[in-house]
């Protein structure tokens, strides 16, 4: 399955929840990184890690499908 078909396939409910959590974590990290006040280095580092972790979690969760849903939406999927 190519990436376009995988993105267009429906995402299971559990991974939709994880995607939303990832978006929230990424937004918190971005807010920490772009804060107008000077923060300690440790807080800025944690903000960077949160932004990256949230982006990865959201991307992986969006690309997750079940084999049953894939076979319904992709004509050449093996069952």
PDB file of N, CA and C in Angstrom:
ATOM      1  N   UNK A   1       0.847  -1.163   0.000  1.00  0.00           N
ATOM      2  CA  UNK A   1       0.000   0.000   0.000  1.00  0.00           C
ATOM      3  C   UNK A   1       0.901   1.237   0.000  1.00  0.00           C
ATOM      4  N   UNK A   2       0.607   2.165  -0.886  1.00  0.00           N
ATOM      5  CA  UNK A   2       1.421   3.381  -0.912  1.00  0.00           C
ATOM      6  C   UNK A   2       0.933   4.375   0.146  1.00  0.00           C
ATOM      7  N   UNK A   3       1.689   5.410   0.332  1.00  0.00           N
ATOM      8  CA  UNK A   3       1.434   6.351   1.422  1.00  0.00           C
ATOM      9  C   UNK A   3       0.130   7.124   1.225  1.00  0.00           C
ATOM     10  N   UNK A   4      -0.224   7.433   0.000  1.00  0.00           N
ATOM     11  CA  UNK A   4      -1.458   8.190  -0.262  1.00  0.00           C
ATOM     12  C   UNK A   4      -2.681   7.371   0.137  1.00  0.00           C
ATOM     13  N   UNK A   5      -2.712   6.093  -0.246  1.00  0.00           N
ATOM     14  CA  UNK A   5      -3.834   5.231   0.128  1.00  0.00           C
ATOM     15  C   UNK A   5      -3.888   5.029   1.637  1.00  0.00           C
ATOM     16  N   UNK A   6      -2.724   4.958   2.265  1.00  0.00           N
ATOM     17  CA  UNK A   6      -2.678   4.755   3.712  1.00  0.00           C
ATOM     18  C   UNK A   6      -3.219   5.977   4.446  1.00  0.00           C
ATOM     19  N   UNK A   7      -2.912   7.168   3.964  1.00  0.00           N
ATOM     20  CA  UNK A   7      -3.408   8.385   4.615  1.00  0.00           C
ATOM     21  C   UNK A   7      -4.907   8.514   4.423  1.00  0.00           C
ATOM     22  N   UNK A   8      -5.416   8.107   3.269  1.00  0.00           N
ATOM     23  CA  UNK A   8      -6.841   8.228   2.983  1.00  0.00           C
ATOM     24  C   UNK A   8      -7.679   7.154   3.667  1.00  0.00           C
ATOM     25  N   UNK A   9      -7.077   6.049   4.082  1.00  0.00           N
ATOM     26  CA  UNK A   9      -7.814   4.981   4.752  1.00  0.00           C
ATOM     27  C   UNK A   9      -8.267   5.456   6.134  1.00  0.00           C
ATOM     28  N   UNK A  10      -9.390   4.933   6.615  1.00  0.00           N
ATOM     29  CA  UNK A  10      -9.882   5.361   7.927  1.00  0.00           C
ATOM     30  C   UNK A  10      -8.930   4.964   9.063  1.00  0.00           C
ATOM     31  N   UNK A  11      -8.885   5.796  10.087  1.00  0.00           N
ATOM     32  CA  UNK A  11      -8.043   5.555  11.253  1.00  0.00           C
ATOM     33  C   UNK A  11      -8.907   4.970  12.370  1.00  0.00           C
ATOM     34  N   UNK A  12      -8.447   3.909  13.047  1.00  0.00           N
ATOM     35  CA  UNK A  12      -9.214   3.352  14.176  1.00  0.00           C
ATOM     36  C   UNK A  12      -9.383   4.377  15.300  1.00  0.00           C
ATOM     37  N   UNK A  13     -10.434   4.211  16.094  1.00  0.00           N
ATOM     38  CA  UNK A  13     -10.772   5.181  17.131  1.00  0.00           C
ATOM     39  C   UNK A  13      -9.627   5.384  18.127  1.00  0.00           C
ATOM     40  N   UNK A  14      -8.984   4.311  18.569  1.00  0.00           N
ATOM     41  CA  UNK A  14      -7.899   4.415  19.537  1.00  0.00           C
ATOM     42  C   UNK A  14      -6.783   5.311  19.016  1.00  0.00           C
ATOM     43  N   UNK A  15      -6.452   5.170  17.746  1.00  0.00           N
ATOM     44  CA  UNK A  15      -5.371   5.964  17.179  1.00  0.00           C
ATOM     45  C   UNK A  15      -5.799   7.404  16.905  1.00  0.00           C
ATOM     46  N   UNK A  16      -7.096   7.636  16.742  1.00  0.00           N
ATOM     47  CA  UNK A  16      -7.575   9.015  16.651  1.00  0.00           C
ATOM     48  C   UNK A  16      -7.363   9.729  17.980  1.00  0.00           C
ATOM     49  N   UNK A  17      -7.617   9.016  19.078  1.00  0.00           N
ATOM     50  CA  UNK A  17      -7.393   9.595  20.400  1.00  0.00           C
ATOM     51  C   UNK A  17      -5.904   9.874  20.590  1.00  0.00           C
ATOM     52  N   UNK A  18      -5.042   8.910  20.216  1.00  0.00           N
ATOM     53  CA  UNK A  18      -3.599   9.115  20.326  1.00  0.00           C
ATOM     54  C   UNK A  18      -3.133  10.282  19.461  1.00  0.00           C
ATOM     55  N   UNK A  19      -3.703  10.419  18.270  1.00  0.00           N
ATOM     56  CA  UNK A  19      -3.346  11.532  17.389  1.00  0.00           C
ATOM     57  C   UNK A  19      -3.667  12.865  18.046  1.00  0.00           C
ATOM     58  N   UNK A  20      -4.839  12.950  18.671  1.00  0.00           N
ATOM     59  CA  UNK A  20      -5.226  14.192  19.334  1.00  0.00           C
ATOM     60  C   UNK A  20      -4.326  14.482  20.536  1.00  0.00           C
ATOM     61  N   UNK A  21      -3.945  13.449  21.258  1.00  0.00           N
ATOM     62  CA  UNK A  21      -3.011  13.628  22.368  1.00  0.00           C
ATOM     63  C   UNK A  21      -1.670  14.127  21.829  1.00  0.00           C
ATOM     64  N   UNK A  22      -1.214  13.546  20.734  1.00  0.00           N
ATOM     65  CA  UNK A  22       0.041  13.977  20.125  1.00  0.00           C
ATOM     66  C   UNK A  22      -0.010  15.422  19.674  1.00  0.00           C
ATOM     67  N   UNK A  23      -1.129  15.843  19.109  1.00  0.00           N
ATOM     68  CA  UNK A  23      -1.278  17.242  18.694  1.00  0.00           C
ATOM     69  C   UNK A  23      -1.235  18.175  19.901  1.00  0.00           C
ATOM     70  N   UNK A  24      -1.855  17.750  20.992  1.00  0.00           N
ATOM     71  CA  UNK A  24      -1.846  18.565  22.206  1.00  0.00           C
ATOM     72  C   UNK A  24      -0.441  18.674  22.792  1.00  0.00           C
ATOM     73  N   UNK A  25       0.257  17.543  22.865  1.00  0.00           N
ATOM     74  CA  UNK A  25       1.624  17.542  23.395  1.00  0.00           C
ATOM     75  C   UNK A  25       2.530  18.410  22.511  1.00  0.00           C
ATOM     76  N   UNK A  26       2.366  18.297  21.215  1.00  0.00           N
ATOM     77  CA  UNK A  26       3.157  19.120  20.292  1.00  0.00           C
ATOM     78  C   UNK A  26       2.868  20.601  20.454  1.00  0.00           C
ATOM     79  N   UNK A  27       1.605  20.938  20.668  1.00  0.00           N
ATOM     80  CA  UNK A  27       1.238  22.342  20.865  1.00  0.00           C
ATOM     81  C   UNK A  27       1.816  22.883  22.173  1.00  0.00           C
ATOM     82  N   UNK A  28       1.812  22.067  23.219  1.00  0.00           N
ATOM     83  CA  UNK A  28       2.407  22.496  24.491  1.00  0.00           C
ATOM     84  C   UNK A  28       3.907  22.726  24.307  1.00  0.00           C
ATOM     85  N   UNK A  29       4.564  21.803  23.615  1.00  0.00           N
ATOM     86  CA  UNK A  29       5.993  21.964  23.357  1.00  0.00           C
ATOM     87  C   UNK A  29       6.290  23.210  22.550  1.00  0.00           C
ATOM     88  N   UNK A  30       5.479  23.466  21.544  1.00  0.00           N
ATOM     89  CA  UNK A  30       5.681  24.665  20.723  1.00  0.00           C
ATOM     90  C   UNK A  30       5.439  25.931  21.532  1.00  0.00           C
ATOM     91  N   UNK A  31       4.463  25.905  22.418  1.00  0.00           N
ATOM     92  CA  UNK A  31       4.201  27.076  23.258  1.00  0.00           C
ATOM     93  C   UNK A  31       5.366  27.349  24.205  1.00  0.00           C
ATOM     94  N   UNK A  32       5.947  26.293  24.727  1.00  0.00           N
ATOM     95  CA  UNK A  32       7.113  26.470  25.601  1.00  0.00           C
ATOM     96  C   UNK A  32       8.280  27.050  24.813  1.00  0.00           C
ATOM     97  N   UNK A  33       8.497  26.530  23.616  1.00  0.00           N
ATOM     98  CA  UNK A  33       9.633  26.994  22.809  1.00  0.00           C
ATOM     99  C   UNK A  33       9.477  28.443  22.351  1.00  0.00           C
ATOM    100  N   UNK A  34       8.261  28.867  22.115  1.00  0.00           N
ATOM    101  CA  UNK A  34       8.043  30.212  21.583  1.00  0.00           C
ATOM    102  C   UNK A  34       7.602  31.209  22.643  1.00  0.00           C
ATOM    103  N   UNK A  35       7.763  30.863  23.916  1.00  0.00           N
ATOM    104  CA  UNK A  35       7.324  31.776  24.980  1.00  0.00           C
ATOM    105  C   UNK A  35       8.143  33.073  24.927  1.00  0.00           C
ATOM    106  N   UNK A  36       7.498  34.199  25.199  1.00  0.00           N
ATOM    107  CA  UNK A  36       8.192  35.491  25.094  1.00  0.00           C
ATOM    108  C   UNK A  36       9.139  35.789  26.259  1.00  0.00           C
ATOM    109  N   UNK A  37       9.107  34.963  27.298  1.00  0.00           N
ATOM    110  CA  UNK A  37      10.006  35.189  28.431  1.00  0.00           C
ATOM    111  C   UNK A  37      11.166  34.215  28.366  1.00  0.00           C
ATOM    112  N   UNK A  38      12.241  34.536  29.041  1.00  0.00           N
ATOM    113  CA  UNK A  38      13.417  33.673  29.056  1.00  0.00           C
ATOM    114  C   UNK A  38      13.172  32.546  30.058  1.00  0.00           C
ATOM    115  N   UNK A  39      13.280  31.325  29.571  1.00  0.00           N
ATOM    116  CA  UNK A  39      13.081  30.146  30.414  1.00  0.00           C
ATOM    117  C   UNK A  39      14.416  29.453  30.637  1.00  0.00           C
ATOM    118  N   UNK A  40      14.528  28.694  31.714  1.00  0.00           N
ATOM    119  CA  UNK A  40      15.757  27.922  31.920  1.00  0.00           C
ATOM    120  C   UNK A  40      16.002  26.945  30.768  1.00  0.00           C
ATOM    121  N   UNK A  41      17.255  26.593  30.569  1.00  0.00           N
ATOM    122  CA  UNK A  41      17.627  25.695  29.478  1.00  0.00           C
ATOM    123  C   UNK A  41      16.893  24.359  29.576  1.00  0.00           C
ATOM    124  N   UNK A  42      16.728  23.834  30.778  1.00  0.00           N
ATOM    125  CA  UNK A  42      16.061  22.540  30.960  1.00  0.00           C
ATOM    126  C   UNK A  42      14.611  22.597  30.474  1.00  0.00           C
ATOM    127  N   UNK A  43      13.932  23.686  30.758  1.00  0.00           N
ATOM    128  CA  UNK A  43      12.534  23.827  30.332  1.00  0.00           C
ATOM    129  C   UNK A  43      12.463  23.935  28.808  1.00  0.00           C
ATOM    130  N   UNK A  44      13.371  24.676  28.217  1.00  0.00           N
ATOM    131  CA  UNK A  44      13.403  24.788  26.757  1.00  0.00           C
ATOM    132  C   UNK A  44      13.710  23.445  26.101  1.00  0.00           C
ATOM    133  N   UNK A  45      14.598  22.689  26.707  1.00  0.00           N
ATOM    134  CA  UNK A  45      14.925  21.367  26.172  1.00  0.00           C
ATOM    135  C   UNK A  45      13.708  20.443  26.234  1.00  0.00           C
ATOM    136  N   UNK A  46      13.009  20.465  27.356  1.00  0.00           N
ATOM    137  CA  UNK A  46      11.796  19.648  27.493  1.00  0.00           C
ATOM    138  C   UNK A  46      10.753  20.083  26.464  1.00  0.00           C
ATOM    139  N   UNK A  47      10.637  21.382  26.221  1.00  0.00           N
ATOM    140  CA  UNK A  47       9.705  21.869  25.212  1.00  0.00           C
ATOM    141  C   UNK A  47      10.031  21.333  23.826  1.00  0.00           C
ATOM    142  N   UNK A  48      11.305  21.270  23.498  1.00  0.00           N
ATOM    143  CA  UNK A  48      11.717  20.708  22.213  1.00  0.00           C
ATOM    144  C   UNK A  48      11.386  19.237  22.101  1.00  0.00           C
ATOM    145  N   UNK A  49      11.645  18.501  23.176  1.00  0.00           N
ATOM    146  CA  UNK A  49      11.316  17.068  23.175  1.00  0.00           C
ATOM    147  C   UNK A  49       9.809  16.842  23.068  1.00  0.00           C
ATOM    148  N   UNK A  50       9.033  17.661  23.743  1.00  0.00           N
ATOM    149  CA  UNK A  50       7.575  17.530  23.657  1.00  0.00           C
ATOM    150  C   UNK A  50       7.080  17.812  22.241  1.00  0.00           C
ATOM    151  N   UNK A  51       7.635  18.817  21.603  1.00  0.00           N
ATOM    152  CA  UNK A  51       7.213  19.149  20.240  1.00  0.00           C
ATOM    153  C   UNK A  51       7.529  18.003  19.276  1.00  0.00           C
ATOM    154  N   UNK A  52       8.710  17.441  19.399  1.00  0.00           N
ATOM    155  CA  UNK A  52       9.089  16.331  18.510  1.00  0.00           C
ATOM    156  C   UNK A  52       8.253  15.093  18.803  1.00  0.00           C
ATOM    157  N   UNK A  53       8.097  14.764  20.079  1.00  0.00           N
ATOM    158  CA  UNK A  53       7.327  13.569  20.448  1.00  0.00           C
ATOM    159  C   UNK A  53       5.869  13.705  20.000  1.00  0.00           C
ATOM    160  N   UNK A  54       5.296  14.882  20.155  1.00  0.00           N
ATOM    161  CA  UNK A  54       3.917  15.099  19.718  1.00  0.00           C
ATOM    162  C   UNK A  54       3.762  14.974  18.210  1.00  0.00           C
ATOM    163  N   UNK A  55       4.724  15.492  17.476  1.00  0.00           N
ATOM    164  CA  UNK A  55       4.672  15.375  16.011  1.00  0.00           C
ATOM    165  C   UNK A  55       4.800  13.936  15.541  1.00  0.00           C
ATOM    166  N   UNK A  56       5.706  13.202  16.150  1.00  0.00           N
ATOM    167  CA  UNK A  56       5.883  11.795  15.768  1.00  0.00           C
ATOM    168  C   UNK A  56       4.646  10.984  16.132  1.00  0.00           C
ATOM    169  N   UNK A  57       4.123  11.178  17.335  1.00  0.00           N
ATOM    170  CA  UNK A  57       2.930  10.445  17.765  1.00  0.00           C
ATOM    171  C   UNK A  57       1.746  10.728  16.849  1.00  0.00           C
ATOM    172  N   UNK A  58       1.562  11.970  16.476  1.00  0.00           N
ATOM    173  CA  UNK A  58       0.456  12.332  15.586  1.00  0.00           C
ATOM    174  C   UNK A  58       0.628  11.719  14.199  1.00  0.00           C
ATOM    175  N   UNK A  59       1.834  11.772  13.670  1.00  0.00           N
ATOM    176  CA  UNK A  59       2.071  11.238  12.328  1.00  0.00           C
ATOM    177  C   UNK A  59       1.878   9.725  12.283  1.00  0.00           C
ATOM    178  N   UNK A  60       2.435   9.025  13.248  1.00  0.00           N
ATOM    179  CA  UNK A  60       2.300   7.570  13.268  1.00  0.00           C
ATOM    180  C   UNK A  60       0.846   7.166  13.482  1.00  0.00           C
ATOM    181  N   UNK A  61       0.148   7.866  14.369  1.00  0.00           N
ATOM    182  CA  UNK A  61      -1.253   7.534  14.625  1.00  0.00           C
ATOM    183  C   UNK A  61      -2.122   7.785  13.406  1.00  0.00           C
ATOM    184  N   UNK A  62      -1.830   8.807  12.636  1.00  0.00           N
ATOM    185  CA  UNK A  62      -2.618   9.107  11.445  1.00  0.00           C
ATOM    186  C   UNK A  62      -2.428   8.050  10.366  1.00  0.00           C
ATOM    187  N   UNK A  63      -1.262   7.459  10.292  1.00  0.00           N
ATOM    188  CA  UNK A  63      -0.971   6.476   9.245  1.00  0.00           C
ATOM    189  C   UNK A  63      -1.361   5.052   9.625  1.00  0.00           C
ATOM    190  N   UNK A  64      -1.892   4.850  10.813  1.00  0.00           N
ATOM    191  CA  UNK A  64      -2.249   3.512  11.264  1.00  0.00           C
ATOM    192  C   UNK A  64      -3.625   3.127  10.745  1.00  0.00           C
ATOM    193  N   UNK A  65      -3.730   1.919  10.198  1.00  0.00           N
ATOM    194  CA  UNK A  65      -4.999   1.360   9.757  1.00  0.00           C
ATOM    195  C   UNK A  65      -5.065  -0.090  10.193  1.00  0.00           C
ATOM    196  N   UNK A  66      -6.244  -0.659  10.168  1.00  0.00           N
ATOM    197  CA  UNK A  66      -6.375  -2.086  10.450  1.00  0.00           C
ATOM    198  C   UNK A  66      -6.378  -2.842   9.137  1.00  0.00           C
ATOM    199  N   UNK A  67      -6.032  -4.092   9.181  1.00  0.00           N
ATOM    200  CA  UNK A  67      -5.969  -4.875   7.944  1.00  0.00           C
ATOM    201  C   UNK A  67      -7.349  -5.035   7.313  1.00  0.00           C
ATOM    202  N   UNK A  68      -8.408  -5.072   8.123  1.00  0.00           N
ATOM    203  CA  UNK A  68      -9.756  -5.190   7.574  1.00  0.00           C
ATOM    204  C   UNK A  68     -10.133  -3.914   6.820  1.00  0.00           C
ATOM    205  N   UNK A  69      -9.818  -2.767   7.388  1.00  0.00           N
ATOM    206  CA  UNK A  69     -10.149  -1.505   6.724  1.00  0.00           C
ATOM    207  C   UNK A  69      -9.321  -1.315   5.466  1.00  0.00           C
ATOM    208  N   UNK A  70      -8.092  -1.778   5.482  1.00  0.00           N
ATOM    209  CA  UNK A  70      -7.235  -1.668   4.309  1.00  0.00           C
ATOM    210  C   UNK A  70      -7.802  -2.507   3.180  1.00  0.00           C
ATOM    211  N   UNK A  71      -8.226  -3.721   3.492  1.00  0.00           N
ATOM    212  CA  UNK A  71      -8.723  -4.593   2.433  1.00  0.00           C
ATOM    213  C   UNK A  71     -10.025  -4.076   1.830  1.00  0.00           C
ATOM    214  N   UNK A  72     -10.823  -3.320   2.592  1.00  0.00           N
ATOM    215  CA  UNK A  72     -12.049  -2.753   2.048  1.00  0.00           C
ATOM    216  C   UNK A  72     -11.772  -1.589   1.105  1.00  0.00           C
ATOM    217  N   UNK A  73     -10.725  -0.816   1.394  1.00  0.00           N
ATOM    218  CA  UNK A  73     -10.490   0.409   0.643  1.00  0.00           C
ATOM    219  C   UNK A  73      -9.422   0.277  -0.428  1.00  0.00           C
ATOM    220  N   UNK A  74      -8.662  -0.787  -0.391  1.00  0.00           N
ATOM    221  CA  UNK A  74      -7.592  -0.967  -1.356  1.00  0.00           C
ATOM    222  C   UNK A  74      -7.888  -2.228  -2.161  1.00  0.00           C
ATOM    223  N   UNK A  75      -8.109  -2.094  -3.455  1.00  0.00           N
ATOM    224  CA  UNK A  75      -8.507  -3.258  -4.243  1.00  0.00           C
ATOM    225  C   UNK A  75      -7.419  -4.336  -4.342  1.00  0.00           C
ATOM    226  N   UNK A  76      -6.140  -3.994  -4.237  1.00  0.00           N
ATOM    227  CA  UNK A  76      -5.103  -4.981  -4.398  1.00  0.00           C
ATOM    228  C   UNK A  76      -4.561  -5.511  -3.068  1.00  0.00           C
ATOM    229  N   UNK A  77      -5.238  -5.253  -1.932  1.00  0.00           N
ATOM    230  CA  UNK A  77      -4.756  -5.731  -0.630  1.00  0.00           C
ATOM    231  C   UNK A  77      -5.052  -7.214  -0.481  1.00  0.00           C
ATOM    232  N   UNK A  78      -4.099  -7.938   0.078  1.00  0.00           N
ATOM    233  CA  UNK A  78      -4.273  -9.367   0.320  1.00  0.00           C
ATOM    234  C   UNK A  78      -5.040  -9.576   1.611  1.00  0.00           C
ATOM    235  N   UNK A  79      -5.881 -10.586   1.622  1.00  0.00           N
ATOM    236  CA  UNK A  79      -6.700 -10.839   2.819  1.00  0.00           C
ATOM    237  C   UNK A  79      -6.181 -12.029   3.576  1.00  0.00           C
TER     238      UNK A  79
END
